[in-house]
C-alpha atoms as a PDB file:
ATOM      1  CA  MET A   1      64.939  31.457   7.346  1.00  0.00           C
ATOM      2  CA  LYS A   2      63.710  33.984  10.304  1.00  0.00           C
ATOM      3  CA  TYR A   3      61.116  33.001  12.924  1.00  0.00           C
ATOM      4  CA  SER A   4      59.232  35.435  15.386  1.00  0.00           C
ATOM      5  CA  LYS A   5      57.229  34.131  18.201  1.00  0.00           C
ATOM      6  CA  VAL A   6      53.200  34.766  18.325  1.00  0.00           C
ATOM      7  CA  SER A   7      51.963  36.652  21.051  1.00  0.00           C
ATOM      8  CA  GLY A   8      49.700  34.702  23.255  1.00  0.00           C
ATOM      9  CA  ASN A   9      50.538  30.800  21.869  1.00  0.00           C
ATOM     10  CA  SER A  10      54.333  29.428  23.032  1.00  0.00           C
ATOM     11  CA  SER A  11      53.615  26.826  20.111  1.00  0.00           C
ATOM     12  CA  LEU A  12      53.058  28.994  17.529  1.00  0.00           C
ATOM     13  CA  ILE A  13      55.605  31.177  15.007  1.00  0.00           C
ATOM     14  CA  ARG A  14      55.408  33.679  12.371  1.00  0.00           C
ATOM     15  CA  ASP A  15      57.612  32.703   8.983  1.00  0.00           C
ATOM     16  CA  GLU A  16      58.807  36.581   8.994  1.00  0.00           C
ATOM     17  CA  GLU A  17      59.456  35.907   4.526  1.00  0.00           C
ATOM     18  CA  THR A  18      55.892  34.028   3.884  1.00  0.00           C
ATOM     19  CA  LYS A  19      54.227  35.783   7.173  1.00  0.00           C
ATOM     20  CA  ALA A  20      52.802  32.192   7.738  1.00  0.00           C
ATOM     21  CA  ILE A  21      52.084  31.168  11.136  1.00  0.00           C
ATOM     22  CA  ILE A  22      53.199  27.742  11.866  1.00  0.00           C
ATOM     23  CA  ASN A  23      52.454  25.549  14.736  1.00  0.00           C
ATOM     24  CA  THR A  24      55.875  23.739  16.588  1.00  0.00           C
ATOM     25  CA  ASN A  25      53.577  21.303  18.559  1.00  0.00           C
ATOM     26  CA  MET A  26      53.918  18.217  17.364  1.00  0.00           C
ATOM     27  CA  SER A  27      51.167  16.646  19.278  1.00  0.00           C
ATOM     28  CA  ASP A  28      48.578  19.343  17.663  1.00  0.00           C
ATOM     29  CA  TYR A  29      49.709  18.169  14.302  1.00  0.00           C
ATOM     30  CA  ASN A  30      49.580  14.361  15.483  1.00  0.00           C
ATOM     31  CA  ASN A  31      46.281  14.700  16.619  1.00  0.00           C
ATOM     32  CA  TYR A  32      45.045  16.705  13.345  1.00  0.00           C
ATOM     33  CA  ILE A  33      46.688  14.020  11.377  1.00  0.00           C
ATOM     34  CA  ALA A  34      44.517  11.082  13.170  1.00  0.00           C
ATOM     35  CA  GLN A  35      40.986  13.491  13.076  1.00  0.00           C
ATOM     36  CA  LYS A  36      41.940  14.044   8.822  1.00  0.00           C
ATOM     37  CA  ARG A  37      42.423  10.165   8.594  1.00  0.00           C
ATOM     38  CA  LEU A  38      39.594   9.350  10.555  1.00  0.00           C
ATOM     39  CA  LYS A  39      37.194  11.663   8.795  1.00  0.00           C
ATOM     40  CA  GLU A  40      39.079  10.112   5.404  1.00  0.00           C
ATOM     41  CA  LYS A  41      37.848   6.678   6.649  1.00  0.00           C
ATOM     42  CA  GLU A  42      34.302   7.544   7.378  1.00  0.00           C
ATOM     43  CA  SER A  43      34.032   9.631   3.523  1.00  0.00           C
ATOM     44  CA  GLU A  44      35.172   6.260   1.961  1.00  0.00           C
ATOM     45  CA  LYS A  45      32.423   3.953   4.382  1.00  0.00           C
ATOM     46  CA  ILE A  46      29.424   6.633   3.922  1.00  0.00           C
ATOM     47  CA  ASN A  47      30.516   6.366  -0.257  1.00  0.00           C
ATOM     48  CA  ALA A  48      30.715   2.426  -0.420  1.00  0.00           C
ATOM     49  CA  ILE A  49      27.138   2.418   1.547  1.00  0.00           C
ATOM     50  CA  GLU A  50      25.891   4.290  -1.011  1.00  0.00           C
ATOM     51  CA  GLN A  51      26.807   2.504  -4.063  1.00  0.00           C
ATOM     52  CA  GLU A  52      25.800  -0.769  -2.104  1.00  0.00           C
ATOM     53  CA  VAL A  53      22.004   1.206  -1.987  1.00  0.00           C
ATOM     54  CA  ALA A  54      22.393   2.255  -5.122  1.00  0.00           C
ATOM     55  CA  SER A  55      23.129  -1.513  -6.459  1.00  0.00           C
ATOM     56  CA  ILE A  56      20.340  -2.727  -4.083  1.00  0.00           C
ATOM     57  CA  LYS A  57      18.070   0.127  -5.304  1.00  0.00           C
ATOM     58  CA  ASP A  58      19.113  -1.512  -9.665  1.00  0.00           C
ATOM     59  CA  ASP A  59      18.565  -4.409  -8.088  1.00  0.00           C
ATOM     60  CA  LEU A  60      15.051  -4.473  -6.369  1.00  0.00           C
ATOM     61  CA  SER A  61      14.163  -2.725  -9.687  1.00  0.00           C
ATOM     62  CA  GLU A  62      15.035  -5.455 -11.943  1.00  0.00           C
ATOM     63  CA  ILE A  63      13.072  -8.087  -9.466  1.00  0.00           C
ATOM     64  CA  LYS A  64      10.059  -5.550  -9.579  1.00  0.00           C
ATOM     65  CA  ASN A  65      10.076  -5.494 -13.580  1.00  0.00           C
ATOM     66  CA  LEU A  66      10.647  -9.569 -13.828  1.00  0.00           C
ATOM     67  CA  LEU A  67       7.663 -10.305 -11.489  1.00  0.00           C
ATOM     68  CA  ARG A  68       5.413  -7.907 -13.517  1.00  0.00           C
ATOM     69  CA  ARG A  69       6.203  -9.553 -16.279  1.00  0.00           C
ATOM     70  CA  ILE A  70       5.914 -12.717 -14.351  1.00  0.00           C
ATOM     71  CA  ALA A  71       2.094 -11.862 -13.503  1.00  0.00           C
ATOM     72  CA  ASN A  72       1.460 -10.514 -16.796  1.00  0.00           C
ATOM     73  CA  GLU A  73       1.998 -13.343 -18.421  1.00  0.00           C
ATOM     74  CA  SER A  74       0.147 -15.113 -15.822  1.00  0.00           C
ATOM     75  CA  TRP A  75      -2.537 -13.348 -15.835  1.00  0.00           C
ATOM     76  CA  LYS A  76      -2.685 -13.788 -20.210  1.00  0.00           C
ATOM     77  CA  CYS A  77      -2.750 -17.720 -19.667  1.00  0.00           C
ATOM     78  CA  ASN A  78      -5.588 -17.269 -17.356  1.00  0.00           C
ATOM     79  CA  ILE A  79      -7.717 -15.060 -19.744  1.00  0.00           C
ATOM     80  CA  ARG A  80      -6.802 -18.055 -22.699  1.00  0.00           C
ATOM     81  CA  ARG A  81      -7.683 -20.488 -20.477  1.00  0.00           C
ATOM     82  CA  PHE A  82     -11.361 -19.205 -19.751  1.00  0.00           C
ATOM     83  CA  LYS A  83     -11.880 -17.929 -23.674  1.00  0.00           C
END
């Protein structure tokens, strides 16, 4: 493979066959990988929180329905008692 230096940046080279630009600075690469992993973890955390919120919303909806049913049954019992 043949490489040539990119003018203006000493850590970049160009692959003459594919014309791809390659960063030879390992510190930059390691920083990129660390940032990418951090963003992936943040994304996973957000997804977990969204799933938990959805579960809580479902639970609250179920509780509300049960409370409505209890209130309706209690109301029906009170009406029967007064008749």
